[in-house]
Amino acid sequence: MINSDNISIVFTTKDDKNIAYHVTKDKKSVDISREILAHKYNFDPANLKYMDQIHSNIVKKVDKRSLYEKCDALVTNMKHTPLMVMVADCIPMVFYDSKKGVVAVAHAGRVGTLNNISANVVDMMCTEFYSKVQDIQVILGPSIQKCCYEVSTEMAHDTGYIYGKEFVKRRYIDLQGINKSQLLKKGILSENINISDICTKCSNENYFSYRVDKRCGRFAAIVILK
């Protein structure tokens, strides 16, 4: 948990149970998990904003809704409004600009990453909320790392050809490295990019991994502007 004067960032674990409706038929269990989570981290569950994530690069501005369909990133300057992204190997990304009071979350799987979702978030923060790129900080949370993210031979070849051979080793892709390179190209300062080195597949840390168990739950990154 990161807790500053005006921003709170939380990465949940298996201890917080599954917080995603789409991977279980037991809706009540998710309701309970989210209520416990809200109490644990001191936010109103009625204010929680989350997505019907579809592996895209679509970014939406938050309004009064709770659920945002067909997107993979949310941005807001609304206070006391938790934004949540749900993952189990994909990269949970958190963006924040303390100076302008703007926060965002993004779901960066392979499709979102290769379609530059991180740059789209930065664009919305700057154009819609007047952030300056040098003030934006980004956290890439626990996720499957280049040690374990194996794809097809064709996908590995195409990724290396388009994004650079430094991001591919045999059939393993460095999604974190690609996202960082995209952020740097947008003008985000290197020192403002924080990347977790926890691999959700092989580290044995307390996070769900789809590559380990396709029936697993989802953990989350949550950011709140206080």
Protein backbone atom coordinates (compact mmCIF):
# COMPACT_ATOMS: atom_id res chain seq x y z
CA MET A 1 0.00 0.00 0.00
CA ILE A 2 1.20 3.51 -0.89
CA ASN A 3 -0.38 6.28 1.15
CA SER A 4 0.56 9.93 0.60
CA ASP A 5 -1.17 13.13 1.59
CA ASN A 6 -3.58 13.01 -1.34
CA ILE A 7 -3.26 9.62 -3.04
CA SER A 8 -3.70 6.04 -1.81
CA ILE A 9 -2.63 3.01 -3.89
CA VAL A 10 -3.38 -0.60 -2.96
CA PHE A 11 -2.41 -3.91 -4.56
CA THR A 12 -4.60 -6.68 -3.17
CA THR A 13 -3.48 -10.29 -2.69
CA LYS A 14 -5.03 -13.74 -2.42
CA ASP A 15 -5.71 -12.91 1.22
CA ASP A 16 -8.28 -10.40 -0.01
CA LYS A 17 -10.02 -13.19 -1.98
CA ASN A 18 -11.38 -12.94 -5.52
CA ILE A 19 -12.77 -9.48 -6.33
CA ALA A 20 -13.96 -10.20 -9.91
CA TYR A 21 -17.52 -11.18 -10.85
CA HIS A 22 -16.61 -12.57 -14.26
CA VAL A 23 -14.62 -15.54 -12.95
CA THR A 24 -17.21 -16.96 -10.55
CA LYS A 25 -20.90 -17.78 -10.36
CA ASP A 26 -20.91 -16.80 -6.70
CA LYS A 27 -21.71 -13.09 -6.97
CA LYS A 28 -22.33 -12.83 -3.24
CA SER A 29 -18.78 -13.92 -2.42
CA VAL A 30 -17.42 -11.09 -4.57
CA ASP A 31 -19.77 -8.60 -2.90
CA ILE A 32 -18.45 -9.70 0.48
CA SER A 33 -14.82 -9.56 -0.63
CA ARG A 34 -15.26 -6.04 -1.96
CA GLU A 35 -17.03 -4.88 1.21
CA ILE A 36 -14.22 -6.28 3.37
CA LEU A 37 -11.66 -4.65 1.09
CA ALA A 38 -13.43 -1.28 1.36
CA HIS A 39 -13.45 -1.51 5.14
CA LYS A 40 -9.79 -2.58 5.22
CA TYR A 41 -8.64 0.35 3.10
CA ASN A 42 -11.19 2.91 4.26
CA PHE A 43 -13.24 3.66 1.16
CA ASP A 44 -16.95 3.60 0.36
CA PRO A 45 -17.72 0.49 -1.75
CA ALA A 46 -20.56 2.42 -3.41
CA ASN A 47 -17.95 4.73 -4.94
CA LEU A 48 -15.83 1.94 -6.46
CA LYS A 49 -15.30 2.19 -10.23
CA TYR A 50 -14.38 -0.94 -12.17
CA MET A 51 -14.40 -2.27 -15.73
CA ASP A 52 -15.68 -4.99 -17.98
CA GLN A 53 -12.12 -5.50 -19.25
CA ILE A 54 -11.82 -6.72 -22.83
CA HIS A 55 -8.07 -6.65 -23.63
CA SER A 56 -8.14 -3.37 -25.54
CA ASN A 57 -6.46 0.04 -25.47
CA ILE A 58 -9.71 1.89 -24.73
CA VAL A 59 -9.60 4.53 -21.98
CA LYS A 60 -12.70 6.07 -20.37
CA LYS A 61 -13.27 9.10 -18.21
CA VAL A 62 -15.05 8.34 -14.94
CA ASP A 63 -18.55 9.65 -14.29
CA LYS A 64 -21.34 8.53 -11.92
CA ARG A 65 -21.42 4.92 -13.11
CA SER A 66 -19.83 2.07 -11.17
CA LEU A 67 -19.20 -0.36 -14.05
CA TYR A 68 -17.53 0.76 -17.30
CA GLU A 69 -18.12 -1.62 -20.18
CA LYS A 70 -15.74 -2.49 -22.99
CA CYS A 71 -12.62 -0.67 -21.84
CA ASP A 72 -9.31 -1.33 -20.07
CA ALA A 73 -8.41 1.97 -18.43
CA LEU A 74 -10.11 4.63 -16.31
CA VAL A 75 -9.07 8.21 -15.53
CA THR A 76 -10.52 10.67 -13.01
CA ASN A 77 -9.91 13.76 -10.93
CA MET A 78 -12.86 12.94 -8.64
CA LYS A 79 -11.90 12.68 -4.98
CA HIS A 80 -12.82 9.70 -2.79
CA THR A 81 -13.51 7.68 -5.95
CA PRO A 82 -11.58 4.39 -6.01
CA LEU A 83 -10.54 3.14 -9.45
CA MET A 84 -9.94 -0.61 -9.71
CA VAL A 85 -8.23 -2.80 -12.30
CA MET A 86 -8.43 -6.60 -11.98
CA VAL A 87 -5.65 -8.97 -13.06
CA ALA A 88 -4.11 -12.42 -12.80
CA ASP A 89 -0.80 -12.18 -14.75
CA CYS A 90 -1.58 -9.07 -16.84
CA ILE A 91 0.04 -5.83 -15.67
CA PRO A 92 -2.01 -3.67 -13.29
CA MET A 93 -0.90 -0.12 -14.06
CA VAL A 94 -1.51 2.89 -11.80
CA PHE A 95 -0.94 6.47 -12.95
CA TYR A 96 -1.04 9.55 -10.77
CA ASP A 97 -0.35 13.25 -10.97
CA SER A 98 -0.26 14.76 -7.50
CA LYS A 99 0.04 18.31 -8.80
CA LYS A 100 -3.16 18.31 -10.86
CA GLY A 101 -4.95 15.71 -8.75
CA VAL A 102 -5.49 13.09 -11.46
CA VAL A 103 -5.34 9.29 -11.16
CA ALA A 104 -5.80 6.37 -13.55
CA VAL A 105 -5.65 2.59 -13.77
CA ALA A 106 -5.02 0.36 -16.77
CA HIS A 107 -5.15 -3.34 -17.61
CA ALA A 108 -2.07 -4.03 -19.73
CA GLY A 109 -2.12 -7.54 -21.10
CA ARG A 110 -0.43 -8.45 -24.35
CA VAL A 111 -3.12 -6.87 -26.56
CA GLY A 112 -3.37 -3.68 -24.52
CA THR A 113 0.40 -3.36 -24.31
CA LEU A 114 1.02 -3.93 -28.01
CA ASN A 115 -1.72 -1.42 -28.80
CA ASN A 116 -0.13 1.21 -26.55
CA ILE A 117 -2.74 1.51 -23.80
CA SER A 118 -0.26 3.28 -21.50
CA ALA A 119 0.24 6.07 -24.02
CA ASN A 120 -3.53 6.44 -24.41
CA VAL A 121 -3.86 6.93 -20.64
CA VAL A 122 -1.14 9.59 -20.65
CA ASP A 123 -2.85 11.33 -23.57
CA MET A 124 -6.16 11.53 -21.71
CA MET A 125 -4.51 12.76 -18.51
CA CYS A 126 -2.81 15.54 -20.47
CA THR A 127 -5.59 16.54 -22.87
CA GLU A 128 -8.63 16.12 -20.62
CA PHE A 129 -7.14 16.94 -17.21
CA TYR A 130 -4.17 19.17 -18.17
CA SER A 131 -1.47 17.02 -16.58
CA LYS A 132 2.12 17.59 -17.63
CA VAL A 133 4.00 14.45 -18.62
CA GLN A 134 6.89 15.26 -16.28
CA ASP A 135 4.47 15.22 -13.33
CA ILE A 136 2.91 11.83 -14.08
CA GLN A 137 4.12 8.85 -12.06
CA VAL A 138 3.42 5.27 -13.09
CA ILE A 139 3.49 1.99 -11.18
CA LEU A 140 3.48 -1.40 -12.91
CA GLY A 141 2.35 -3.87 -10.27
CA PRO A 142 3.00 -7.60 -9.83
CA SER A 143 2.47 -9.47 -13.10
CA ILE A 144 3.91 -12.21 -15.26
CA GLN A 145 7.49 -11.28 -16.14
CA LYS A 146 9.80 -11.99 -19.05
CA CYS A 147 11.05 -15.11 -17.26
CA CYS A 148 7.64 -16.76 -17.72
CA TYR A 149 5.63 -14.92 -20.38
CA GLU A 150 5.90 -17.45 -23.18
CA VAL A 151 4.02 -16.93 -26.47
CA SER A 152 3.93 -18.56 -29.89
CA THR A 153 6.98 -18.46 -32.13
CA GLU A 154 5.08 -16.22 -34.56
CA MET A 155 4.00 -13.80 -31.83
CA ALA A 156 7.53 -13.61 -30.43
CA HIS A 157 8.96 -12.93 -33.89
CA ASP A 158 6.39 -10.24 -34.69
CA THR A 159 6.88 -8.56 -31.31
CA GLY A 160 10.64 -8.45 -31.76
CA TYR A 161 10.29 -7.10 -35.29
CA ILE A 162 7.86 -4.31 -34.30
CA TYR A 163 9.03 -3.34 -30.80
CA GLY A 164 12.68 -4.41 -30.74
CA LYS A 165 14.61 -7.62 -30.25
CA GLU A 166 15.64 -6.46 -26.77
CA PHE A 167 12.11 -7.24 -25.60
CA VAL A 168 12.12 -10.84 -26.80
CA LYS A 169 14.24 -13.82 -25.77
CA ARG A 170 13.37 -16.96 -27.71
CA ARG A 171 9.58 -17.19 -27.10
CA TYR A 172 9.48 -14.99 -23.98
CA ILE A 173 8.24 -11.38 -24.13
CA ASP A 174 9.09 -8.51 -21.79
CA LEU A 175 5.74 -6.70 -21.50
CA GLN A 176 7.05 -4.50 -18.69
CA GLY A 177 9.95 -3.35 -20.86
CA ILE A 178 7.65 -2.56 -23.78
CA ASN A 179 5.32 -0.51 -21.56
CA LYS A 180 8.26 1.38 -20.11
CA SER A 181 9.59 2.20 -23.58
CA GLN A 182 6.15 3.47 -24.61
CA LEU A 183 5.92 5.65 -21.50
CA LEU A 184 9.38 7.08 -22.11
CA LYS A 185 8.42 7.94 -25.68
CA LYS A 186 5.44 9.88 -24.29
CA GLY A 187 7.80 11.90 -22.12
CA ILE A 188 7.30 10.18 -18.76
CA LEU A 189 10.50 10.50 -16.76
CA SER A 190 12.39 7.26 -16.14
CA GLU A 191 12.59 7.99 -12.41
CA ASN A 192 8.79 8.29 -12.34
CA ILE A 193 8.28 4.72 -13.59
CA ASN A 194 8.25 2.03 -10.89
CA ILE A 195 8.10 -1.60 -12.04
CA SER A 196 7.47 -4.49 -9.63
CA ASP A 197 9.90 -7.38 -10.08
CA ILE A 198 7.36 -9.90 -8.72
CA CYS A 199 6.41 -12.53 -11.30
CA THR A 200 2.90 -13.76 -10.57
CA LYS A 201 3.62 -17.13 -12.19
CA CYS A 202 6.91 -18.25 -10.64
CA SER A 203 7.62 -16.12 -7.57
CA ASN A 204 5.28 -18.03 -5.23
CA GLU A 205 4.14 -14.66 -3.92
CA ASN A 206 0.52 -14.29 -2.82
CA TYR A 207 -1.07 -13.32 -6.16
CA PHE A 208 -3.44 -15.08 -8.54
CA SER A 209 -1.93 -16.37 -11.80
CA TYR A 210 -3.98 -17.49 -14.78
CA ARG A 211 -0.97 -19.32 -16.19
CA VAL A 212 -0.77 -21.37 -12.98
CA ASP A 213 -4.52 -21.96 -12.59
CA LYS A 214 -7.02 -21.01 -15.30
CA ARG A 215 -9.84 -21.16 -12.72
CA CYS A 216 -8.19 -18.65 -10.41
CA GLY A 217 -9.65 -15.44 -9.01
CA ARG A 218 -8.40 -11.94 -9.67
CA PHE A 219 -6.42 -9.53 -7.54
CA ALA A 220 -6.55 -5.77 -8.01
CA ALA A 221 -4.82 -2.45 -8.05
CA ILE A 222 -6.88 0.36 -6.55
CA VAL A 223 -6.03 4.06 -6.57
CA ILE A 224 -7.92 6.74 -4.66
CA LEU A 225 -7.57 10.50 -4.86
CA LYS A 226 -8.17 11.74 -1.32
